[in-house]
Amino acid sequence: MTATPEISLSAAVAGELGQPKPRWMPLEGNPEVLNKYLKNLGVKNDDYEFVEIIGFDEDLLAFVPQPVSAVLLIFPITEAHEQHRMKEFEEAAHSAPDCSQAIYFLRQTIGNACGSIAVIHAIANNLEKFQLDSHKPLAQFMETTKLMTPEQRAEHLKHAMDMATANDTIAEEGESRVIDREEHVNLHFVCFVSVNNELYELDGRHPHPIKHSVNLQQGQALDLLRSTKDVILKLIENAGGDIRFVIDLCAFHRMDILHRNMSKKNK
């Protein structure tokens, strides 16, 4: 991550400044680091990877290989964004979750763990597509927490030392300066997934998944990449219209045979 560490408003909202809590080293939001993290967690598949989304124009989106199973958004926390989010949090606290029981959702109660939680959300909500090594951290975590509430999963993650080690080992391999676990960074990860052909934003700071309305014709499949783009453009508008609101975007997609063979040759 390239942002200068600082005590962020997001940290205060998440309660990080009010009480002691576990802290992990923050992941760097680039595909190379995230793909290494997949292996550390125990994802055995060679046919899925994160790639960078370099822009919102249709010509640029066309470069993103399909199908896309998840989209990660990495962005700086701004005052305008937090004010908008606080309204959403307050509304959500007094309303029933508008989401499918099929969604795997994990609350964030560990400092700097938003990157790891976003990756967990990406995998856990596409679990039928993956083979997980039963001796690695994620398979064990998923099996133990599959019937838990989001809050119970968060509590279990606090004590999952193998998950913490998998995170911190990769965090030390990023291209940017390694950030100490005690530092507060002003960047946040969220994950977008399609569950039952509906678009959900999974943000561990939020009380529950955020369902976004998408206009689809009867029988039409959700285009996760382009539907997510529309949501992000609204977030940019709420952030004052500054395109720099978006630090990075990564699509989690399945490689075809040609891309898979090229990837193996380049390793």
C-alpha atoms as a PDB file:
ATOM      1  CA  MET A   1       0.000   0.000   0.000  1.00  0.00           C
ATOM      2  CA  THR A   2       1.276   3.423  -0.888  1.00  0.00           C
ATOM      3  CA  ALA A   3      -0.816   5.659   1.351  1.00  0.00           C
ATOM      4  CA  THR A   4       0.843   7.337   4.301  1.00  0.00           C
ATOM      5  CA  PRO A   5      -0.287   5.589   7.507  1.00  0.00           C
ATOM      6  CA  GLU A   6      -2.416   7.750   9.773  1.00  0.00           C
ATOM      7  CA  ILE A   7      -5.106   7.415  12.398  1.00  0.00           C
ATOM      8  CA  SER A   8      -8.168   7.174  10.193  1.00  0.00           C
ATOM      9  CA  LEU A   9     -11.808   7.999  10.657  1.00  0.00           C
ATOM     10  CA  SER A  10     -12.533   4.432   9.558  1.00  0.00           C
ATOM     11  CA  ALA A  11     -10.551   3.179  12.544  1.00  0.00           C
ATOM     12  CA  ALA A  12     -12.684   5.246  14.886  1.00  0.00           C
ATOM     13  CA  VAL A  13     -15.911   4.030  13.275  1.00  0.00           C
ATOM     14  CA  ALA A  14     -14.762   0.431  13.600  1.00  0.00           C
ATOM     15  CA  GLY A  15     -13.976   1.009  17.261  1.00  0.00           C
ATOM     16  CA  GLU A  16     -10.239   0.552  16.829  1.00  0.00           C
ATOM     17  CA  LEU A  17      -9.379   3.587  18.911  1.00  0.00           C
ATOM     18  CA  GLY A  18     -11.803   2.866  21.728  1.00  0.00           C
ATOM     19  CA  GLN A  19     -10.561  -0.466  22.978  1.00  0.00           C
ATOM     20  CA  PRO A  20      -7.658  -2.888  22.564  1.00  0.00           C
ATOM     21  CA  LYS A  21      -8.158  -5.419  19.797  1.00  0.00           C
ATOM     22  CA  PRO A  22      -6.091  -7.806  17.705  1.00  0.00           C
ATOM     23  CA  ARG A  23      -4.290  -6.270  14.757  1.00  0.00           C
ATOM     24  CA  TRP A  24      -2.918  -7.829  11.587  1.00  0.00           C
ATOM     25  CA  MET A  25      -0.467  -6.400   9.101  1.00  0.00           C
ATOM     26  CA  PRO A  26      -2.398  -4.790   6.221  1.00  0.00           C
ATOM     27  CA  LEU A  27      -2.385  -6.512   2.844  1.00  0.00           C
ATOM     28  CA  GLU A  28      -1.248  -4.601  -0.214  1.00  0.00           C
ATOM     29  CA  GLY A  29      -4.033  -4.252  -2.769  1.00  0.00           C
ATOM     30  CA  ASN A  30      -2.347  -5.603  -5.885  1.00  0.00           C
ATOM     31  CA  PRO A  31      -3.109  -8.836  -7.755  1.00  0.00           C
ATOM     32  CA  GLU A  32       0.337 -10.402  -7.306  1.00  0.00           C
ATOM     33  CA  VAL A  33       0.094 -10.187  -3.508  1.00  0.00           C
ATOM     34  CA  LEU A  34      -3.533 -11.343  -3.482  1.00  0.00           C
ATOM     35  CA  ASN A  35      -2.761 -14.342  -5.681  1.00  0.00           C
ATOM     36  CA  LYS A  36       0.061 -15.396  -3.365  1.00  0.00           C
ATOM     37  CA  TYR A  37      -2.328 -15.008  -0.472  1.00  0.00           C
ATOM     38  CA  LEU A  38      -4.746 -17.459  -2.120  1.00  0.00           C
ATOM     39  CA  LYS A  39      -2.031 -20.126  -2.030  1.00  0.00           C
ATOM     40  CA  ASN A  40      -1.143 -19.314   1.570  1.00  0.00           C
ATOM     41  CA  LEU A  41      -4.765 -19.824   2.538  1.00  0.00           C
ATOM     42  CA  GLY A  42      -4.832 -23.180   0.782  1.00  0.00           C
ATOM     43  CA  VAL A  43      -6.665 -22.537  -2.497  1.00  0.00           C
ATOM     44  CA  LYS A  44      -5.457 -25.373  -4.721  1.00  0.00           C
ATOM     45  CA  ASN A  45      -6.969 -24.156  -8.007  1.00  0.00           C
ATOM     46  CA  ASP A  46      -4.653 -22.852 -10.708  1.00  0.00           C
ATOM     47  CA  ASP A  47      -7.540 -21.584 -12.839  1.00  0.00           C
ATOM     48  CA  TYR A  48      -8.583 -18.589 -10.713  1.00  0.00           C
ATOM     49  CA  GLU A  49      -6.646 -15.373 -10.149  1.00  0.00           C
ATOM     50  CA  PHE A  50      -7.026 -11.701  -9.286  1.00  0.00           C
ATOM     51  CA  VAL A  51      -6.363  -9.176 -12.055  1.00  0.00           C
ATOM     52  CA  GLU A  52      -6.364  -5.396 -11.961  1.00  0.00           C
ATOM     53  CA  ILE A  53      -9.258  -3.412 -13.407  1.00  0.00           C
ATOM     54  CA  ILE A  54      -7.596  -0.402 -14.985  1.00  0.00           C
ATOM     55  CA  GLY A  55     -10.631   1.734 -15.778  1.00  0.00           C
ATOM     56  CA  PHE A  56     -14.392   2.023 -16.115  1.00  0.00           C
ATOM     57  CA  ASP A  57     -14.623   2.632 -19.874  1.00  0.00           C
ATOM     58  CA  GLU A  58     -16.197  -0.248 -21.746  1.00  0.00           C
ATOM     59  CA  ASP A  59     -13.039  -0.738 -23.816  1.00  0.00           C
ATOM     60  CA  LEU A  60     -11.050  -1.212 -20.599  1.00  0.00           C
ATOM     61  CA  LEU A  61     -13.631  -3.446 -18.932  1.00  0.00           C
ATOM     62  CA  ALA A  62     -13.512  -5.667 -22.012  1.00  0.00           C
ATOM     63  CA  PHE A  63      -9.901  -6.538 -21.112  1.00  0.00           C
ATOM     64  CA  VAL A  64     -11.037  -8.187 -17.868  1.00  0.00           C
ATOM     65  CA  PRO A  65     -11.353 -11.935 -18.519  1.00  0.00           C
ATOM     66  CA  GLN A  66     -14.732 -13.514 -17.829  1.00  0.00           C
ATOM     67  CA  PRO A  67     -16.368 -14.984 -15.880  1.00  0.00           C
ATOM     68  CA  VAL A  68     -15.744 -12.699 -12.900  1.00  0.00           C
ATOM     69  CA  SER A  69     -16.618 -14.253  -9.536  1.00  0.00           C
ATOM     70  CA  ALA A  70     -15.880 -11.286  -7.262  1.00  0.00           C
ATOM     71  CA  VAL A  71     -14.656  -7.697  -7.396  1.00  0.00           C
ATOM     72  CA  LEU A  72     -12.507  -6.102  -4.694  1.00  0.00           C
ATOM     73  CA  LEU A  73     -12.560  -2.340  -4.223  1.00  0.00           C
ATOM     74  CA  ILE A  74      -9.712  -0.673  -2.335  1.00  0.00           C
ATOM     75  CA  PHE A  75     -10.309   2.976  -1.484  1.00  0.00           C
ATOM     76  CA  PRO A  76      -9.238   5.710   0.952  1.00  0.00           C
ATOM     77  CA  ILE A  77     -11.638   6.619   3.726  1.00  0.00           C
ATOM     78  CA  THR A  78     -12.812  10.220   3.337  1.00  0.00           C
ATOM     79  CA  GLU A  79     -15.008  12.318   5.597  1.00  0.00           C
ATOM     80  CA  ALA A  80     -17.695  12.569   2.903  1.00  0.00           C
ATOM     81  CA  HIS A  81     -17.680   8.809   2.418  1.00  0.00           C
ATOM     82  CA  GLU A  82     -17.882   8.157   6.163  1.00  0.00           C
ATOM     83  CA  GLN A  83     -20.807  10.527   6.604  1.00  0.00           C
ATOM     84  CA  HIS A  84     -22.677   8.686   3.856  1.00  0.00           C
ATOM     85  CA  ARG A  85     -21.753   5.313   5.334  1.00  0.00           C
ATOM     86  CA  MET A  86     -22.778   6.311   8.858  1.00  0.00           C
ATOM     87  CA  LYS A  87     -26.296   6.987   7.588  1.00  0.00           C
ATOM     88  CA  GLU A  88     -26.332   3.521   6.026  1.00  0.00           C
ATOM     89  CA  PHE A  89     -25.025   1.947   9.241  1.00  0.00           C
ATOM     90  CA  GLU A  90     -27.699   3.658  11.339  1.00  0.00           C
ATOM     91  CA  GLU A  91     -30.463   2.574   8.967  1.00  0.00           C
ATOM     92  CA  ALA A  92     -29.131  -0.973   8.874  1.00  0.00           C
ATOM     93  CA  ALA A  93     -28.983  -1.194  12.663  1.00  0.00           C
ATOM     94  CA  HIS A  94     -32.753  -0.668  12.829  1.00  0.00           C
ATOM     95  CA  SER A  95     -33.762  -2.894   9.923  1.00  0.00           C
ATOM     96  CA  ALA A  96     -33.722  -6.583   9.108  1.00  0.00           C
ATOM     97  CA  PRO A  97     -30.949  -7.737   6.742  1.00  0.00           C
ATOM     98  CA  ASP A  98     -32.104  -7.660   3.120  1.00  0.00           C
ATOM     99  CA  CYS A  99     -29.995 -10.583   2.054  1.00  0.00           C
ATOM    100  CA  SER A 100     -30.032 -14.267   1.239  1.00  0.00           C
ATOM    101  CA  GLN A 101     -29.184 -16.822   3.919  1.00  0.00           C
ATOM    102  CA  ALA A 102     -26.850 -18.298   1.291  1.00  0.00           C
ATOM    103  CA  ILE A 103     -24.394 -15.424   1.780  1.00  0.00           C
ATOM    104  CA  TYR A 104     -21.287 -16.045   3.856  1.00  0.00           C
ATOM    105  CA  PHE A 105     -20.615 -12.823   5.756  1.00  0.00           C
ATOM    106  CA  LEU A 106     -17.886 -12.053   8.288  1.00  0.00           C
ATOM    107  CA  ARG A 107     -17.746  -8.971  10.514  1.00  0.00           C
ATOM    108  CA  GLN A 108     -14.415  -7.164  10.932  1.00  0.00           C
ATOM    109  CA  THR A 109     -13.219  -6.860  14.525  1.00  0.00           C
ATOM    110  CA  ILE A 110      -9.481  -7.141  13.792  1.00  0.00           C
ATOM    111  CA  GLY A 111      -7.518  -4.020  12.937  1.00  0.00           C
ATOM    112  CA  ASN A 112      -6.099  -3.863   9.397  1.00  0.00           C
ATOM    113  CA  ALA A 113      -7.780  -7.162   8.437  1.00  0.00           C
ATOM    114  CA  CYS A 114     -10.140  -5.742   5.799  1.00  0.00           C
ATOM    115  CA  GLY A 115      -8.019  -7.067   2.911  1.00  0.00           C
ATOM    116  CA  SER A 116      -8.030 -10.598   4.261  1.00  0.00           C
ATOM    117  CA  ILE A 117     -11.735 -10.451   5.025  1.00  0.00           C
ATOM    118  CA  ALA A 118     -12.475  -9.259   1.477  1.00  0.00           C
ATOM    119  CA  VAL A 119     -10.544 -12.214   0.050  1.00  0.00           C
ATOM    120  CA  ILE A 120     -12.344 -14.614   2.421  1.00  0.00           C
ATOM    121  CA  HIS A 121     -15.674 -13.183   1.255  1.00  0.00           C
ATOM    122  CA  ALA A 122     -14.651 -13.661  -2.390  1.00  0.00           C
ATOM    123  CA  ILE A 123     -13.815 -17.329  -1.864  1.00  0.00           C
ATOM    124  CA  ALA A 124     -16.504 -18.246   0.664  1.00  0.00           C
ATOM    125  CA  ASN A 125     -19.291 -17.003  -1.602  1.00  0.00           C
ATOM    126  CA  ASN A 126     -17.938 -19.017  -4.544  1.00  0.00           C
ATOM    127  CA  LEU A 127     -16.945 -22.079  -2.563  1.00  0.00           C
ATOM    128  CA  GLU A 128     -18.347 -24.562  -5.075  1.00  0.00           C
ATOM    129  CA  LYS A 129     -15.698 -23.395  -7.571  1.00  0.00           C
ATOM    130  CA  PHE A 130     -12.680 -24.093  -5.368  1.00  0.00           C
ATOM    131  CA  GLN A 131     -10.641 -26.917  -3.984  1.00  0.00           C
ATOM    132  CA  LEU A 132      -9.221 -26.074  -0.575  1.00  0.00           C
ATOM    133  CA  ASP A 133      -6.285 -27.866   0.995  1.00  0.00           C
ATOM    134  CA  SER A 134      -7.714 -29.474   4.134  1.00  0.00           C
ATOM    135  CA  HIS A 135      -4.397 -28.940   5.928  1.00  0.00           C
ATOM    136  CA  LYS A 136      -4.296 -25.186   5.249  1.00  0.00           C
ATOM    137  CA  PRO A 137      -5.967 -22.415   7.283  1.00  0.00           C
ATOM    138  CA  LEU A 138      -8.967 -21.475   5.141  1.00  0.00           C
ATOM    139  CA  ALA A 139     -10.493 -24.948   4.785  1.00  0.00           C
ATOM    140  CA  GLN A 140     -10.399 -25.412   8.535  1.00  0.00           C
ATOM    141  CA  PHE A 141     -11.788 -21.921   9.169  1.00  0.00           C
ATOM    142  CA  MET A 142     -14.636 -22.399   6.686  1.00  0.00           C
ATOM    143  CA  GLU A 143     -15.607 -25.781   8.088  1.00  0.00           C
ATOM    144  CA  THR A 144     -15.641 -24.470  11.658  1.00  0.00           C
ATOM    145  CA  THR A 145     -17.559 -21.256  10.935  1.00  0.00           C
ATOM    146  CA  LYS A 146     -20.019 -22.297   8.219  1.00  0.00           C
ATOM    147  CA  LEU A 147     -23.007 -22.380  10.609  1.00  0.00           C
ATOM    148  CA  MET A 148     -21.929 -19.419  12.752  1.00  0.00           C
ATOM    149  CA  THR A 149     -23.318 -15.900  12.758  1.00  0.00           C
ATOM    150  CA  PRO A 150     -21.145 -13.103  11.263  1.00  0.00           C
ATOM    151  CA  GLU A 151     -20.263 -11.977  14.786  1.00  0.00           C
ATOM    152  CA  GLN A 152     -19.306 -15.491  15.894  1.00  0.00           C
ATOM    153  CA  ARG A 153     -17.111 -15.867  12.817  1.00  0.00           C
ATOM    154  CA  ALA A 154     -15.378 -12.592  13.683  1.00  0.00           C
ATOM    155  CA  GLU A 155     -14.708 -13.819  17.213  1.00  0.00           C
ATOM    156  CA  HIS A 156     -13.352 -17.114  15.907  1.00  0.00           C
ATOM    157  CA  LEU A 157     -11.046 -15.281  13.478  1.00  0.00           C
ATOM    158  CA  LYS A 158      -9.526 -13.365  16.401  1.00  0.00           C
ATOM    159  CA  HIS A 159      -8.168 -16.634  17.766  1.00  0.00           C
ATOM    160  CA  ALA A 160      -7.248 -18.278  14.441  1.00  0.00           C
ATOM    161  CA  MET A 161      -3.477 -17.901  14.639  1.00  0.00           C
ATOM    162  CA  ASP A 162      -2.943 -19.851  11.404  1.00  0.00           C
ATOM    163  CA  MET A 163      -5.109 -17.337   9.532  1.00  0.00           C
ATOM    164  CA  ALA A 164      -3.175 -14.456  11.103  1.00  0.00           C
ATOM    165  CA  THR A 165       0.129 -16.039  10.072  1.00  0.00           C
ATOM    166  CA  ALA A 166      -1.107 -16.592   6.495  1.00  0.00           C
ATOM    167  CA  ASN A 167      -1.996 -12.889   6.324  1.00  0.00           C
ATOM    168  CA  ASP A 168       1.165 -11.480   7.901  1.00  0.00           C
ATOM    169  CA  THR A 169       3.528 -13.644   5.839  1.00  0.00           C
ATOM    170  CA  ILE A 170       2.088 -12.259   2.612  1.00  0.00           C
ATOM    171  CA  ALA A 171       1.802  -8.688   3.943  1.00  0.00           C
ATOM    172  CA  GLU A 172       5.583  -8.655   4.306  1.00  0.00           C
ATOM    173  CA  GLU A 173       6.040  -9.464   0.593  1.00  0.00           C
ATOM    174  CA  GLY A 174       4.307  -6.417  -0.907  1.00  0.00           C
ATOM    175  CA  GLU A 175       6.010  -3.934  -3.211  1.00  0.00           C
ATOM    176  CA  SER A 176       5.407  -0.980  -0.898  1.00  0.00           C
ATOM    177  CA  ARG A 177       6.902  -0.289   2.515  1.00  0.00           C
ATOM    178  CA  VAL A 178       5.885  -2.915   5.021  1.00  0.00           C
ATOM    179  CA  ILE A 179       3.434  -1.328   7.455  1.00  0.00           C
ATOM    180  CA  ASP A 180       3.590  -2.340  11.091  1.00  0.00           C
ATOM    181  CA  ARG A 181       0.480  -3.942  12.542  1.00  0.00           C
ATOM    182  CA  GLU A 182       0.117  -1.129  15.107  1.00  0.00           C
ATOM    183  CA  GLU A 183      -0.144   1.549  12.436  1.00  0.00           C
ATOM    184  CA  HIS A 184      -3.555   2.695  11.256  1.00  0.00           C
ATOM    185  CA  VAL A 185      -3.933   2.960   7.482  1.00  0.00           C
ATOM    186  CA  ASN A 186      -6.555   5.029   5.756  1.00  0.00           C
ATOM    187  CA  LEU A 187      -7.427   2.415   3.118  1.00  0.00           C
ATOM    188  CA  HIS A 188     -10.277  -0.068   3.142  1.00  0.00           C
ATOM    189  CA  PHE A 189     -11.234  -3.186   1.148  1.00  0.00           C
ATOM    190  CA  VAL A 190     -14.772  -4.293   0.299  1.00  0.00           C
ATOM    191  CA  CYS A 191     -15.917  -7.232  -1.812  1.00  0.00           C
ATOM    192  CA  PHE A 192     -18.733  -7.477  -4.359  1.00  0.00           C
ATOM    193  CA  VAL A 193     -20.264 -10.853  -5.207  1.00  0.00           C
ATOM    194  CA  SER A 194     -23.282 -12.303  -6.964  1.00  0.00           C
ATOM    195  CA  VAL A 195     -25.438 -14.610  -4.835  1.00  0.00           C
ATOM    196  CA  ASN A 196     -28.636 -16.036  -6.348  1.00  0.00           C
ATOM    197  CA  ASN A 197     -28.147 -13.616  -9.256  1.00  0.00           C
ATOM    198  CA  GLU A 198     -28.247 -10.579  -6.944  1.00  0.00           C
ATOM    199  CA  LEU A 199     -25.469  -8.069  -6.268  1.00  0.00           C
ATOM    200  CA  TYR A 200     -24.127  -7.782  -2.724  1.00  0.00           C
ATOM    201  CA  GLU A 201     -21.451  -5.562  -1.222  1.00  0.00           C
ATOM    202  CA  LEU A 202     -19.652  -7.230   1.673  1.00  0.00           C
ATOM    203  CA  ASP A 203     -18.014  -4.777   4.053  1.00  0.00           C
ATOM    204  CA  GLY A 204     -16.950  -6.200   7.412  1.00  0.00           C
ATOM    205  CA  ARG A 205     -17.562  -2.852   9.130  1.00  0.00           C
ATOM    206  CA  HIS A 206     -21.238  -2.999   8.151  1.00  0.00           C
ATOM    207  CA  PRO A 207     -23.810  -4.862  10.281  1.00  0.00           C
ATOM    208  CA  HIS A 208     -24.775  -7.111   7.364  1.00  0.00           C
ATOM    209  CA  PRO A 209     -24.390  -7.490   3.564  1.00  0.00           C
ATOM    210  CA  ILE A 210     -25.550  -4.561   1.439  1.00  0.00           C
ATOM    211  CA  LYS A 211     -27.902  -5.551  -1.370  1.00  0.00           C
ATOM    212  CA  HIS A 212     -27.728  -3.332  -4.464  1.00  0.00           C
ATOM    213  CA  SER A 213     -30.642  -3.092  -6.873  1.00  0.00           C
ATOM    214  CA  VAL A 214     -29.878  -4.097 -10.455  1.00  0.00           C
ATOM    215  CA  ASN A 215     -32.400  -3.879 -13.281  1.00  0.00           C
ATOM    216  CA  LEU A 216     -32.468  -7.279 -14.957  1.00  0.00           C
ATOM    217  CA  GLN A 217     -34.854  -8.754 -17.489  1.00  0.00           C
ATOM    218  CA  GLN A 218     -36.513 -12.024 -16.559  1.00  0.00           C
ATOM    219  CA  GLY A 219     -33.992 -14.825 -16.990  1.00  0.00           C
ATOM    220  CA  GLN A 220     -31.065 -12.396 -17.479  1.00  0.00           C
ATOM    221  CA  ALA A 221     -27.819 -13.273 -15.705  1.00  0.00           C
ATOM    222  CA  LEU A 222     -26.187 -10.611 -13.540  1.00  0.00           C
ATOM    223  CA  ASP A 223     -23.079  -9.055 -15.081  1.00  0.00           C
ATOM    224  CA  LEU A 224     -21.087  -8.729 -11.858  1.00  0.00           C
ATOM    225  CA  LEU A 225     -18.295  -6.600 -13.315  1.00  0.00           C
ATOM    226  CA  ARG A 226     -20.500  -3.955 -14.940  1.00  0.00           C
ATOM    227  CA  SER A 227     -23.090  -3.921 -12.163  1.00  0.00           C
ATOM    228  CA  THR A 228     -20.309  -3.315  -9.645  1.00  0.00           C
ATOM    229  CA  LYS A 229     -19.005  -0.488 -11.812  1.00  0.00           C
ATOM    230  CA  ASP A 230     -22.357   1.307 -11.487  1.00  0.00           C
ATOM    231  CA  VAL A 231     -22.243   1.012  -7.692  1.00  0.00           C
ATOM    232  CA  ILE A 232     -18.663   2.302  -7.539  1.00  0.00           C
ATOM    233  CA  LEU A 233     -19.531   5.306  -9.701  1.00  0.00           C
ATOM    234  CA  LYS A 234     -22.228   6.182  -7.144  1.00  0.00           C
ATOM    235  CA  LEU A 235     -19.665   5.849  -4.350  1.00  0.00           C
ATOM    236  CA  ILE A 236     -17.385   8.220  -6.254  1.00  0.00           C
ATOM    237  CA  GLU A 237     -20.253  10.682  -6.546  1.00  0.00           C
ATOM    238  CA  ASN A 238     -20.849  10.455  -2.802  1.00  0.00           C
ATOM    239  CA  ALA A 239     -17.134  11.083  -2.272  1.00  0.00           C
ATOM    240  CA  GLY A 240     -17.385  14.400  -4.103  1.00  0.00           C
ATOM    241  CA  GLY A 241     -16.883  13.138  -7.637  1.00  0.00           C
ATOM    242  CA  ASP A 242     -13.139  12.599  -7.329  1.00  0.00           C
ATOM    243  CA  ILE A 243     -12.072   9.558  -9.388  1.00  0.00           C
ATOM    244  CA  ARG A 244      -9.049   9.276  -7.075  1.00  0.00           C
ATOM    245  CA  PHE A 245     -11.531   7.876  -4.555  1.00  0.00           C
ATOM    246  CA  VAL A 246     -10.731   4.491  -6.098  1.00  0.00           C
ATOM    247  CA  ILE A 247      -7.203   3.326  -5.249  1.00  0.00           C
ATOM    248  CA  ASP A 248      -7.440  -0.091  -6.853  1.00  0.00           C
ATOM    249  CA  LEU A 249      -9.905  -2.569  -8.310  1.00  0.00           C
ATOM    250  CA  CYS A 250      -9.290  -6.272  -8.658  1.00  0.00           C
ATOM    251  CA  ALA A 251     -11.461  -8.837 -10.423  1.00  0.00           C
ATOM    252  CA  PHE A 252     -11.406 -12.457  -9.292  1.00  0.00           C
ATOM    253  CA  HIS A 253     -11.906 -14.477 -12.456  1.00  0.00           C
ATOM    254  CA  ARG A 254     -11.513 -17.921 -13.944  1.00  0.00           C
ATOM    255  CA  MET A 255      -8.746 -18.272 -16.521  1.00  0.00           C
ATOM    256  CA  ASP A 256      -9.349 -20.076 -19.782  1.00  0.00           C
ATOM    257  CA  ILE A 257      -6.873 -22.759 -20.882  1.00  0.00           C
ATOM    258  CA  LEU A 258      -4.773 -20.322 -22.953  1.00  0.00           C
ATOM    259  CA  HIS A 259      -4.360 -17.830 -20.083  1.00  0.00           C
ATOM    260  CA  ARG A 260      -3.659 -20.660 -17.655  1.00  0.00           C
ATOM    261  CA  ASN A 261      -0.847 -22.054 -19.813  1.00  0.00           C
ATOM    262  CA  MET A 262       0.647 -18.589 -20.322  1.00  0.00           C
ATOM    263  CA  SER A 263       0.544 -17.982 -16.560  1.00  0.00           C
ATOM    264  CA  LYS A 264       2.397 -21.237 -15.888  1.00  0.00           C
ATOM    265  CA  LYS A 265       5.084 -20.364 -18.452  1.00  0.00           C
ATOM    266  CA  ASN A 266       5.669 -16.972 -16.819  1.00  0.00           C
ATOM    267  CA  LYS A 267       6.233 -18.472 -13.362  1.00  0.00           C
END
